[in-house]
């Protein structure tokens, strides 16, 4: 043990991490040793050199219902060592169908809930919380800190103005944007780092600026969202839900399985972008209902797995 600690007392070696929300005090290895051991099973899908490069990166996550899965998966995989988390909302009971949380967390800001879970995975993470979400007064600072720039943005919010303004700023700063729509496994990739003149939403937003979007009437704002999400390619269940939102449905239907899939898709793609692998802008579907297709029960042989 003395060889590991350099002769220091064990209690003085490493770091004591205090988690006040759970009353736990945990003795962990020093940062470099901790991260080397914690990510050891990543090898060599992620090499040691690549892991160091990833942990030096900063990711911004906007919207922490769907986005919390991506943030947590990035933290687990060691894709970035610094994060900015933005969301104005608090955890409600109806969020528990898709967020990793419990009833004892109800009422917590979603930023705080996500940061707590990330710190419990890696107490050395650098996490900034934007608990008012992104507004005209805060969005510049979220993107534009010259000494602490973002390397990638994960956008998972429902507000049309924020979705549009975030891309305007990402394009201005040359930051790639990833979005999971949580329907049919759709992953959206916009490489503003490689294509500084790329139209927002692959051109589906038309010529509308964020300021134009802010002034849209509610019905027009919904039509704008459907246009940028490509209504024609929504799942049958999502299409059926559209006319019932605000009546028999309070918002978009979302499932935990879709959210977890989205977290995996976003993290895998973020890792490859941050390591310089070739990832093209576009829309990519991992539609499990098509990949793992329905089979006519009468055609399944007796004794075969169903």
C-alpha atoms as a PDB file:
ATOM      1  CA  UNK A   1       0.000   0.000   0.000  1.00  0.00           C
ATOM      2  CA  UNK A   2       2.900   2.368   0.758  1.00  0.00           C
ATOM      3  CA  UNK A   3       4.070   1.926  -2.830  1.00  0.00           C
ATOM      4  CA  UNK A   4       0.691   3.206  -4.054  1.00  0.00           C
ATOM      5  CA  UNK A   5       0.327   6.104  -1.621  1.00  0.00           C
ATOM      6  CA  UNK A   6       3.957   7.200  -1.801  1.00  0.00           C
ATOM      7  CA  UNK A   7       4.297   6.727   1.927  1.00  0.00           C
ATOM      8  CA  UNK A   8       1.355   8.988   2.783  1.00  0.00           C
ATOM      9  CA  UNK A   9      -1.238   7.893   5.316  1.00  0.00           C
ATOM     10  CA  UNK A  10      -4.085   6.097   3.577  1.00  0.00           C
ATOM     11  CA  UNK A  11      -6.625   8.588   4.946  1.00  0.00           C
ATOM     12  CA  UNK A  12      -4.698  11.436   3.282  1.00  0.00           C
ATOM     13  CA  UNK A  13      -4.313   9.718  -0.067  1.00  0.00           C
ATOM     14  CA  UNK A  14      -6.810  10.596  -2.776  1.00  0.00           C
ATOM     15  CA  UNK A  15      -9.959  12.589  -2.112  1.00  0.00           C
ATOM     16  CA  UNK A  16     -12.883  12.459   0.291  1.00  0.00           C
ATOM     17  CA  UNK A  17     -16.087  13.099  -1.680  1.00  0.00           C
ATOM     18  CA  UNK A  18     -19.046  14.402   0.332  1.00  0.00           C
ATOM     19  CA  UNK A  19     -22.547  13.894  -1.067  1.00  0.00           C
ATOM     20  CA  UNK A  20     -24.789  16.059   1.161  1.00  0.00           C
ATOM     21  CA  UNK A  21     -28.045  14.948  -0.494  1.00  0.00           C
ATOM     22  CA  UNK A  22     -27.498  11.362   0.696  1.00  0.00           C
ATOM     23  CA  UNK A  23     -25.291  11.983   3.752  1.00  0.00           C
ATOM     24  CA  UNK A  24     -22.470   9.850   2.307  1.00  0.00           C
ATOM     25  CA  UNK A  25     -18.749  10.500   2.611  1.00  0.00           C
ATOM     26  CA  UNK A  26     -16.700   8.396   0.184  1.00  0.00           C
ATOM     27  CA  UNK A  27     -12.911   7.988   0.008  1.00  0.00           C
ATOM     28  CA  UNK A  28     -11.842   7.786  -3.651  1.00  0.00           C
ATOM     29  CA  UNK A  29      -8.574   7.511  -5.542  1.00  0.00           C
ATOM     30  CA  UNK A  30      -6.821  10.649  -6.862  1.00  0.00           C
ATOM     31  CA  UNK A  31      -8.383  11.917 -10.085  1.00  0.00           C
ATOM     32  CA  UNK A  32      -6.043  10.325 -12.637  1.00  0.00           C
ATOM     33  CA  UNK A  33      -5.976   6.955 -10.874  1.00  0.00           C
ATOM     34  CA  UNK A  34      -9.722   7.064 -10.236  1.00  0.00           C
ATOM     35  CA  UNK A  35     -10.524   7.688 -13.886  1.00  0.00           C
ATOM     36  CA  UNK A  36      -7.993   5.140 -15.107  1.00  0.00           C
ATOM     37  CA  UNK A  37      -9.591   2.411 -12.980  1.00  0.00           C
ATOM     38  CA  UNK A  38     -13.206   3.540 -13.493  1.00  0.00           C
ATOM     39  CA  UNK A  39     -12.904   3.471 -17.299  1.00  0.00           C
ATOM     40  CA  UNK A  40     -10.627   0.432 -17.470  1.00  0.00           C
ATOM     41  CA  UNK A  41     -13.329  -1.781 -18.964  1.00  0.00           C
ATOM     42  CA  UNK A  42     -13.691   0.677 -21.851  1.00  0.00           C
ATOM     43  CA  UNK A  43     -10.368  -0.558 -23.237  1.00  0.00           C
ATOM     44  CA  UNK A  44      -9.734  -0.890 -26.120  1.00  0.00           C
ATOM     45  CA  UNK A  45     -13.046   0.186 -27.561  1.00  0.00           C
ATOM     46  CA  UNK A  46     -11.769   3.487 -26.219  1.00  0.00           C
ATOM     47  CA  UNK A  47      -7.974   3.580 -25.900  1.00  0.00           C
ATOM     48  CA  UNK A  48      -6.273   5.188 -22.906  1.00  0.00           C
ATOM     49  CA  UNK A  49      -5.115   8.091 -25.082  1.00  0.00           C
ATOM     50  CA  UNK A  50      -8.619   8.572 -26.488  1.00  0.00           C
ATOM     51  CA  UNK A  51     -10.112   8.485 -22.996  1.00  0.00           C
ATOM     52  CA  UNK A  52      -7.811  11.288 -21.897  1.00  0.00           C
ATOM     53  CA  UNK A  53      -8.810  13.341 -24.936  1.00  0.00           C
ATOM     54  CA  UNK A  54     -12.503  12.793 -24.234  1.00  0.00           C
ATOM     55  CA  UNK A  55     -12.237  13.756 -20.576  1.00  0.00           C
ATOM     56  CA  UNK A  56     -10.736  17.084 -21.632  1.00  0.00           C
ATOM     57  CA  UNK A  57     -13.905  17.985 -23.585  1.00  0.00           C
ATOM     58  CA  UNK A  58     -16.971  20.004 -22.563  1.00  0.00           C
ATOM     59  CA  UNK A  59     -20.556  19.143 -23.564  1.00  0.00           C
ATOM     60  CA  UNK A  60     -23.655  21.310 -23.194  1.00  0.00           C
ATOM     61  CA  UNK A  61     -26.990  19.567 -22.623  1.00  0.00           C
ATOM     62  CA  UNK A  62     -30.196  21.548 -23.175  1.00  0.00           C
ATOM     63  CA  UNK A  63     -33.333  19.888 -21.783  1.00  0.00           C
ATOM     64  CA  UNK A  64     -33.000  17.267 -19.066  1.00  0.00           C
ATOM     65  CA  UNK A  65     -35.994  15.016 -19.509  1.00  0.00           C
ATOM     66  CA  UNK A  66     -34.733  13.158 -22.560  1.00  0.00           C
ATOM     67  CA  UNK A  67     -31.345  14.873 -22.204  1.00  0.00           C
ATOM     68  CA  UNK A  68     -30.644  13.427 -18.765  1.00  0.00           C
ATOM     69  CA  UNK A  69     -30.206   9.951 -20.267  1.00  0.00           C
ATOM     70  CA  UNK A  70     -27.616  11.296 -22.707  1.00  0.00           C
ATOM     71  CA  UNK A  71     -25.798  13.247 -19.993  1.00  0.00           C
ATOM     72  CA  UNK A  72     -25.654  10.248 -17.664  1.00  0.00           C
ATOM     73  CA  UNK A  73     -24.512   7.880 -20.410  1.00  0.00           C
ATOM     74  CA  UNK A  74     -21.790  10.325 -21.458  1.00  0.00           C
ATOM     75  CA  UNK A  75     -20.652  10.531 -17.837  1.00  0.00           C
ATOM     76  CA  UNK A  76     -20.603   6.738 -17.451  1.00  0.00           C
ATOM     77  CA  UNK A  77     -18.632   6.242 -20.657  1.00  0.00           C
ATOM     78  CA  UNK A  78     -16.218   9.082 -19.917  1.00  0.00           C
ATOM     79  CA  UNK A  79     -17.318  11.101 -22.943  1.00  0.00           C
ATOM     80  CA  UNK A  80     -16.358  14.570 -21.653  1.00  0.00           C
ATOM     81  CA  UNK A  81     -15.174  15.630 -18.232  1.00  0.00           C
ATOM     82  CA  UNK A  82     -17.058  18.938 -18.156  1.00  0.00           C
ATOM     83  CA  UNK A  83     -20.750  19.647 -18.689  1.00  0.00           C
ATOM     84  CA  UNK A  84     -23.210  22.514 -18.809  1.00  0.00           C
ATOM     85  CA  UNK A  85     -26.750  21.425 -17.975  1.00  0.00           C
ATOM     86  CA  UNK A  86     -29.667  23.707 -18.838  1.00  0.00           C
ATOM     87  CA  UNK A  87     -33.319  23.223 -17.872  1.00  0.00           C
ATOM     88  CA  UNK A  88     -35.848  25.432 -16.070  1.00  0.00           C
ATOM     89  CA  UNK A  89     -38.147  22.601 -14.966  1.00  0.00           C
ATOM     90  CA  UNK A  90     -38.515  20.516 -11.817  1.00  0.00           C
ATOM     91  CA  UNK A  91     -39.170  16.794 -11.577  1.00  0.00           C
ATOM     92  CA  UNK A  92     -42.854  15.856 -11.652  1.00  0.00           C
ATOM     93  CA  UNK A  93     -44.568  12.535 -11.079  1.00  0.00           C
ATOM     94  CA  UNK A  94     -45.298  12.078 -14.793  1.00  0.00           C
ATOM     95  CA  UNK A  95     -41.543  12.330 -15.502  1.00  0.00           C
ATOM     96  CA  UNK A  96     -40.913   9.070 -13.657  1.00  0.00           C
ATOM     97  CA  UNK A  97     -41.975   6.990 -16.649  1.00  0.00           C
ATOM     98  CA  UNK A  98     -38.668   7.904 -18.349  1.00  0.00           C
ATOM     99  CA  UNK A  99     -36.279   9.616 -15.909  1.00  0.00           C
ATOM    100  CA  UNK A 100     -33.927   7.721 -13.623  1.00  0.00           C
ATOM    101  CA  UNK A 101     -35.277   9.078 -10.333  1.00  0.00           C
ATOM    102  CA  UNK A 102     -37.551   8.189  -7.431  1.00  0.00           C
ATOM    103  CA  UNK A 103     -40.524   9.651  -5.652  1.00  0.00           C
ATOM    104  CA  UNK A 104     -38.189  11.152  -3.049  1.00  0.00           C
ATOM    105  CA  UNK A 105     -36.777  13.374  -5.847  1.00  0.00           C
ATOM    106  CA  UNK A 106     -40.103  14.993  -6.795  1.00  0.00           C
ATOM    107  CA  UNK A 107     -39.852  18.768  -6.927  1.00  0.00           C
ATOM    108  CA  UNK A 108     -36.084  18.838  -7.499  1.00  0.00           C
ATOM    109  CA  UNK A 109     -34.752  20.927 -10.381  1.00  0.00           C
ATOM    110  CA  UNK A 110     -33.931  18.545 -13.208  1.00  0.00           C
ATOM    111  CA  UNK A 111     -30.472  20.099 -13.472  1.00  0.00           C
ATOM    112  CA  UNK A 112     -29.751  19.305  -9.814  1.00  0.00           C
ATOM    113  CA  UNK A 113     -31.089  15.755 -10.107  1.00  0.00           C
ATOM    114  CA  UNK A 114     -28.954  15.025 -13.170  1.00  0.00           C
ATOM    115  CA  UNK A 115     -25.812  16.616 -11.685  1.00  0.00           C
ATOM    116  CA  UNK A 116     -26.166  14.612  -8.458  1.00  0.00           C
ATOM    117  CA  UNK A 117     -26.317  11.346 -10.395  1.00  0.00           C
ATOM    118  CA  UNK A 118     -23.344  12.344 -12.545  1.00  0.00           C
ATOM    119  CA  UNK A 119     -21.234  13.320  -9.516  1.00  0.00           C
ATOM    120  CA  UNK A 120     -21.994   9.952  -7.928  1.00  0.00           C
ATOM    121  CA  UNK A 121     -20.478   8.327 -11.028  1.00  0.00           C
ATOM    122  CA  UNK A 122     -17.444  10.642 -11.138  1.00  0.00           C
ATOM    123  CA  UNK A 123     -16.986  13.197  -8.325  1.00  0.00           C
ATOM    124  CA  UNK A 124     -14.219  14.878 -10.337  1.00  0.00           C
ATOM    125  CA  UNK A 125     -16.601  16.083 -13.065  1.00  0.00           C
ATOM    126  CA  UNK A 126     -16.909  19.808 -13.721  1.00  0.00           C
ATOM    127  CA  UNK A 127     -20.636  20.586 -13.982  1.00  0.00           C
ATOM    128  CA  UNK A 128     -22.277  23.990 -14.420  1.00  0.00           C
ATOM    129  CA  UNK A 129     -26.026  24.299 -13.825  1.00  0.00           C
ATOM    130  CA  UNK A 130     -28.289  26.684 -15.725  1.00  0.00           C
ATOM    131  CA  UNK A 131     -31.436  26.301 -13.654  1.00  0.00           C
ATOM    132  CA  UNK A 132     -33.405  28.990 -15.484  1.00  0.00           C
ATOM    133  CA  UNK A 133     -32.899  27.195 -18.775  1.00  0.00           C
ATOM    134  CA  UNK A 134     -31.680  29.270 -21.712  1.00  0.00           C
ATOM    135  CA  UNK A 135     -33.043  32.758 -22.276  1.00  0.00           C
ATOM    136  CA  UNK A 136     -32.034  35.764 -24.339  1.00  0.00           C
ATOM    137  CA  UNK A 137     -29.977  36.905 -21.336  1.00  0.00           C
ATOM    138  CA  UNK A 138     -28.143  33.618 -20.761  1.00  0.00           C
ATOM    139  CA  UNK A 139     -27.709  31.824 -24.078  1.00  0.00           C
ATOM    140  CA  UNK A 140     -24.635  33.828 -25.117  1.00  0.00           C
ATOM    141  CA  UNK A 141     -22.803  32.864 -21.925  1.00  0.00           C
ATOM    142  CA  UNK A 142     -23.844  29.217 -22.296  1.00  0.00           C
ATOM    143  CA  UNK A 143     -22.133  29.048 -25.675  1.00  0.00           C
ATOM    144  CA  UNK A 144     -19.690  31.886 -25.689  1.00  0.00           C
ATOM    145  CA  UNK A 145     -17.269  31.653 -22.757  1.00  0.00           C
ATOM    146  CA  UNK A 146     -13.986  32.158 -24.632  1.00  0.00           C
ATOM    147  CA  UNK A 147     -11.869  30.430 -21.979  1.00  0.00           C
ATOM    148  CA  UNK A 148     -14.306  27.530 -21.505  1.00  0.00           C
ATOM    149  CA  UNK A 149     -15.898  26.811 -24.898  1.00  0.00           C
ATOM    150  CA  UNK A 150     -18.320  24.012 -25.644  1.00  0.00           C
ATOM    151  CA  UNK A 151     -17.104  21.191 -27.863  1.00  0.00           C
ATOM    152  CA  UNK A 152     -20.559  19.713 -28.554  1.00  0.00           C
ATOM    153  CA  UNK A 153     -24.218  20.409 -27.751  1.00  0.00           C
ATOM    154  CA  UNK A 154     -26.986  17.908 -27.065  1.00  0.00           C
ATOM    155  CA  UNK A 155     -30.323  19.643 -27.626  1.00  0.00           C
ATOM    156  CA  UNK A 156     -33.383  17.916 -26.146  1.00  0.00           C
ATOM    157  CA  UNK A 157     -35.888  20.659 -25.313  1.00  0.00           C
ATOM    158  CA  UNK A 158     -39.455  21.242 -26.527  1.00  0.00           C
ATOM    159  CA  UNK A 159     -39.404  25.041 -26.822  1.00  0.00           C
ATOM    160  CA  UNK A 160     -39.207  26.153 -30.480  1.00  0.00           C
ATOM    161  CA  UNK A 161     -37.323  29.380 -29.709  1.00  0.00           C
ATOM    162  CA  UNK A 162     -34.648  27.579 -27.676  1.00  0.00           C
ATOM    163  CA  UNK A 163     -34.230  24.859 -30.304  1.00  0.00           C
ATOM    164  CA  UNK A 164     -33.696  27.490 -32.993  1.00  0.00           C
ATOM    165  CA  UNK A 165     -31.586  29.937 -30.988  1.00  0.00           C
ATOM    166  CA  UNK A 166     -29.347  27.110 -29.768  1.00  0.00           C
ATOM    167  CA  UNK A 167     -28.558  26.175 -33.372  1.00  0.00           C
ATOM    168  CA  UNK A 168     -27.968  29.775 -34.360  1.00  0.00           C
ATOM    169  CA  UNK A 169     -25.392  30.084 -31.593  1.00  0.00           C
ATOM    170  CA  UNK A 170     -23.904  26.656 -32.300  1.00  0.00           C
ATOM    171  CA  UNK A 171     -23.422  27.587 -35.963  1.00  0.00           C
ATOM    172  CA  UNK A 172     -21.870  30.922 -35.000  1.00  0.00           C
ATOM    173  CA  UNK A 173     -19.400  29.205 -32.648  1.00  0.00           C
ATOM    174  CA  UNK A 174     -18.762  26.153 -34.839  1.00  0.00           C
ATOM    175  CA  UNK A 175     -20.215  23.631 -32.374  1.00  0.00           C
ATOM    176  CA  UNK A 176     -21.806  20.349 -33.568  1.00  0.00           C
ATOM    177  CA  UNK A 177     -25.361  19.647 -32.381  1.00  0.00           C
ATOM    178  CA  UNK A 178     -26.971  16.274 -31.662  1.00  0.00           C
ATOM    179  CA  UNK A 179     -30.692  15.732 -31.055  1.00  0.00           C
ATOM    180  CA  UNK A 180     -32.645  12.570 -30.263  1.00  0.00           C
ATOM    181  CA  UNK A 181     -36.360  12.955 -30.944  1.00  0.00           C
ATOM    182  CA  UNK A 182     -37.369   9.887 -28.903  1.00  0.00           C
ATOM    183  CA  UNK A 183     -39.534   8.590 -31.767  1.00  0.00           C
ATOM    184  CA  UNK A 184     -38.490   5.757 -34.106  1.00  0.00           C
ATOM    185  CA  UNK A 185     -34.943   6.058 -32.765  1.00  0.00           C
ATOM    186  CA  UNK A 186     -34.286   9.254 -34.723  1.00  0.00           C
ATOM    187  CA  UNK A 187     -30.855  10.811 -34.180  1.00  0.00           C
ATOM    188  CA  UNK A 188     -30.252  14.217 -35.751  1.00  0.00           C
ATOM    189  CA  UNK A 189     -26.664  15.340 -36.486  1.00  0.00           C
ATOM    190  CA  UNK A 190     -25.708  18.889 -37.495  1.00  0.00           C
ATOM    191  CA  UNK A 191     -21.966  19.401 -38.040  1.00  0.00           C
ATOM    192  CA  UNK A 192     -21.722  23.167 -37.704  1.00  0.00           C
ATOM    193  CA  UNK A 193     -18.057  22.626 -36.805  1.00  0.00           C
ATOM    194  CA  UNK A 194     -17.426  21.392 -40.357  1.00  0.00           C
ATOM    195  CA  UNK A 195     -20.192  23.246 -42.225  1.00  0.00           C
ATOM    196  CA  UNK A 196     -20.427  26.834 -40.921  1.00  0.00           C
ATOM    197  CA  UNK A 197     -23.090  27.771 -43.473  1.00  0.00           C
ATOM    198  CA  UNK A 198     -25.265  24.706 -42.972  1.00  0.00           C
ATOM    199  CA  UNK A 199     -29.012  25.594 -42.775  1.00  0.00           C
ATOM    200  CA  UNK A 200     -30.644  24.895 -39.430  1.00  0.00           C
ATOM    201  CA  UNK A 201     -32.571  21.641 -39.103  1.00  0.00           C
ATOM    202  CA  UNK A 202     -31.191  20.590 -42.524  1.00  0.00           C
ATOM    203  CA  UNK A 203     -33.229  23.408 -44.050  1.00  0.00           C
ATOM    204  CA  UNK A 204     -36.555  22.233 -42.623  1.00  0.00           C
ATOM    205  CA  UNK A 205     -36.949  25.404 -40.587  1.00  0.00           C
ATOM    206  CA  UNK A 206     -36.976  27.546 -43.700  1.00  0.00           C
ATOM    207  CA  UNK A 207     -35.719  31.101 -43.295  1.00  0.00           C
ATOM    208  CA  UNK A 208     -37.240  31.617 -39.833  1.00  0.00           C
ATOM    209  CA  UNK A 209     -34.852  33.055 -37.255  1.00  0.00           C
ATOM    210  CA  UNK A 210     -35.157  32.452 -33.532  1.00  0.00           C
ATOM    211  CA  UNK A 211     -36.746  35.879 -33.188  1.00  0.00           C
ATOM    212  CA  UNK A 212     -39.289  34.979 -35.901  1.00  0.00           C
ATOM    213  CA  UNK A 213     -40.072  31.745 -34.089  1.00  0.00           C
ATOM    214  CA  UNK A 214     -40.606  33.582 -30.814  1.00  0.00           C
ATOM    215  CA  UNK A 215     -43.428  35.584 -32.395  1.00  0.00           C
ATOM    216  CA  UNK A 216     -45.291  32.565 -33.815  1.00  0.00           C
ATOM    217  CA  UNK A 217     -48.812  31.867 -32.593  1.00  0.00           C
ATOM    218  CA  UNK A 218     -49.183  28.554 -30.700  1.00  0.00           C
ATOM    219  CA  UNK A 219     -50.689  26.726 -33.678  1.00  0.00           C
ATOM    220  CA  UNK A 220     -47.936  28.006 -35.966  1.00  0.00           C
ATOM    221  CA  UNK A 221     -45.272  27.059 -33.429  1.00  0.00           C
ATOM    222  CA  UNK A 222     -46.626  23.497 -33.350  1.00  0.00           C
ATOM    223  CA  UNK A 223     -46.623  23.387 -37.148  1.00  0.00           C
ATOM    224  CA  UNK A 224     -43.004  24.599 -37.086  1.00  0.00           C
ATOM    225  CA  UNK A 225     -42.020  21.815 -34.669  1.00  0.00           C
ATOM    226  CA  UNK A 226     -43.712  19.213 -36.828  1.00  0.00           C
ATOM    227  CA  UNK A 227     -41.971  20.540 -39.914  1.00  0.00           C
ATOM    228  CA  UNK A 228     -38.488  20.422 -38.401  1.00  0.00           C
ATOM    229  CA  UNK A 229     -39.176  16.939 -36.992  1.00  0.00           C
ATOM    230  CA  UNK A 230     -40.572  15.724 -40.352  1.00  0.00           C
ATOM    231  CA  UNK A 231     -44.172  14.876 -39.507  1.00  0.00           C
ATOM    232  CA  UNK A 232     -44.434  12.441 -42.442  1.00  0.00           C
ATOM    233  CA  UNK A 233     -41.886  10.125 -40.786  1.00  0.00           C
ATOM    234  CA  UNK A 234     -43.317  10.093 -37.265  1.00  0.00           C
ATOM    235  CA  UNK A 235     -44.431   6.769 -35.812  1.00  0.00           C
ATOM    236  CA  UNK A 236     -48.156   5.904 -36.111  1.00  0.00           C
ATOM    237  CA  UNK A 237     -48.568   6.313 -32.336  1.00  0.00           C
ATOM    238  CA  UNK A 238     -47.002   9.780 -32.407  1.00  0.00           C
ATOM    239  CA  UNK A 239     -49.135  10.865 -35.379  1.00  0.00           C
ATOM    240  CA  UNK A 240     -52.240   9.674 -33.556  1.00  0.00           C
ATOM    241  CA  UNK A 241     -51.223  11.656 -30.472  1.00  0.00           C
ATOM    242  CA  UNK A 242     -50.774  14.984 -32.279  1.00  0.00           C
ATOM    243  CA  UNK A 243     -54.443  15.906 -32.400  1.00  0.00           C
ATOM    244  CA  UNK A 244     -54.948  14.994 -28.740  1.00  0.00           C
ATOM    245  CA  UNK A 245     -52.148  17.077 -27.210  1.00  0.00           C
ATOM    246  CA  UNK A 246     -53.730  19.721 -25.016  1.00  0.00           C
ATOM    247  CA  UNK A 247     -56.946  17.718 -24.792  1.00  0.00           C
ATOM    248  CA  UNK A 248     -56.646  14.103 -23.661  1.00  0.00           C
ATOM    249  CA  UNK A 249     -52.825  14.265 -23.654  1.00  0.00           C
ATOM    250  CA  UNK A 250     -50.778  16.856 -21.783  1.00  0.00           C
ATOM    251  CA  UNK A 251     -47.696  16.574 -24.032  1.00  0.00           C
ATOM    252  CA  UNK A 252     -45.762  14.300 -26.395  1.00  0.00           C
ATOM    253  CA  UNK A 253     -45.855  10.620 -25.422  1.00  0.00           C
ATOM    254  CA  UNK A 254     -42.405   9.287 -24.490  1.00  0.00           C
ATOM    255  CA  UNK A 255     -41.202   5.898 -23.253  1.00  0.00           C
ATOM    256  CA  UNK A 256     -38.257   4.979 -21.047  1.00  0.00           C
ATOM    257  CA  UNK A 257     -37.016   2.509 -23.662  1.00  0.00           C
ATOM    258  CA  UNK A 258     -36.923   5.244 -26.310  1.00  0.00           C
ATOM    259  CA  UNK A 259     -35.177   7.667 -23.962  1.00  0.00           C
ATOM    260  CA  UNK A 260     -32.522   5.101 -23.025  1.00  0.00           C
ATOM    261  CA  UNK A 261     -31.995   4.215 -26.680  1.00  0.00           C
ATOM    262  CA  UNK A 262     -31.590   7.900 -27.454  1.00  0.00           C
ATOM    263  CA  UNK A 263     -29.006   8.288 -24.694  1.00  0.00           C
ATOM    264  CA  UNK A 264     -26.980   5.461 -26.219  1.00  0.00           C
ATOM    265  CA  UNK A 265     -27.245   6.842 -29.767  1.00  0.00           C
ATOM    266  CA  UNK A 266     -26.236  10.338 -28.679  1.00  0.00           C
ATOM    267  CA  UNK A 267     -23.308   9.157 -26.549  1.00  0.00           C
ATOM    268  CA  UNK A 268     -21.893   6.861 -29.222  1.00  0.00           C
ATOM    269  CA  UNK A 269     -22.115   9.609 -31.848  1.00  0.00           C
ATOM    270  CA  UNK A 270     -20.728  12.290 -29.513  1.00  0.00           C
ATOM    271  CA  UNK A 271     -17.724  10.083 -28.732  1.00  0.00           C
ATOM    272  CA  UNK A 272     -16.933   9.583 -32.411  1.00  0.00           C
ATOM    273  CA  UNK A 273     -17.321  13.274 -33.259  1.00  0.00           C
ATOM    274  CA  UNK A 274     -15.100  14.368 -30.361  1.00  0.00           C
ATOM    275  CA  UNK A 275     -12.417  11.867 -31.390  1.00  0.00           C
ATOM    276  CA  UNK A 276     -12.436  13.114 -34.977  1.00  0.00           C
ATOM    277  CA  UNK A 277     -14.090  10.091 -36.595  1.00  0.00           C
ATOM    278  CA  UNK A 278     -16.037  10.754 -39.823  1.00  0.00           C
ATOM    279  CA  UNK A 279     -19.655  11.478 -38.840  1.00  0.00           C
ATOM    280  CA  UNK A 280     -21.807  13.202 -41.442  1.00  0.00           C
ATOM    281  CA  UNK A 281     -24.682  15.589 -40.836  1.00  0.00           C
ATOM    282  CA  UNK A 282     -28.058  13.997 -41.373  1.00  0.00           C
ATOM    283  CA  UNK A 283     -30.969  12.125 -39.833  1.00  0.00           C
ATOM    284  CA  UNK A 284     -30.509   8.521 -38.807  1.00  0.00           C
ATOM    285  CA  UNK A 285     -33.223   6.099 -37.714  1.00  0.00           C
ATOM    286  CA  UNK A 286     -32.791   3.137 -35.376  1.00  0.00           C
ATOM    287  CA  UNK A 287     -36.417   2.057 -35.599  1.00  0.00           C
ATOM    288  CA  UNK A 288     -36.610  -1.102 -33.509  1.00  0.00           C
ATOM    289  CA  UNK A 289     -40.088  -1.946 -34.765  1.00  0.00           C
ATOM    290  CA  UNK A 290     -38.614  -2.280 -38.257  1.00  0.00           C
ATOM    291  CA  UNK A 291     -35.250  -3.767 -37.248  1.00  0.00           C
ATOM    292  CA  UNK A 292     -36.876  -6.308 -34.936  1.00  0.00           C
ATOM    293  CA  UNK A 293     -39.966  -6.790 -37.049  1.00  0.00           C
ATOM    294  CA  UNK A 294     -43.293  -8.344 -36.178  1.00  0.00           C
ATOM    295  CA  UNK A 295     -43.691 -11.990 -37.212  1.00  0.00           C
ATOM    296  CA  UNK A 296     -46.913 -13.750 -38.111  1.00  0.00           C
ATOM    297  CA  UNK A 297     -47.536 -16.064 -35.148  1.00  0.00           C
ATOM    298  CA  UNK A 298     -48.796 -18.818 -37.462  1.00  0.00           C
ATOM    299  CA  UNK A 299     -45.435 -18.876 -39.224  1.00  0.00           C
ATOM    300  CA  UNK A 300     -43.346 -19.299 -36.049  1.00  0.00           C
ATOM    301  CA  UNK A 301     -42.214 -22.960 -35.738  1.00  0.00           C
ATOM    302  CA  UNK A 302     -43.323 -24.861 -32.637  1.00  0.00           C
ATOM    303  CA  UNK A 303     -40.777 -24.422 -29.858  1.00  0.00           C
ATOM    304  CA  UNK A 304     -39.104 -21.402 -31.484  1.00  0.00           C
ATOM    305  CA  UNK A 305     -38.370 -18.309 -29.423  1.00  0.00           C
ATOM    306  CA  UNK A 306     -40.917 -15.529 -29.826  1.00  0.00           C
END
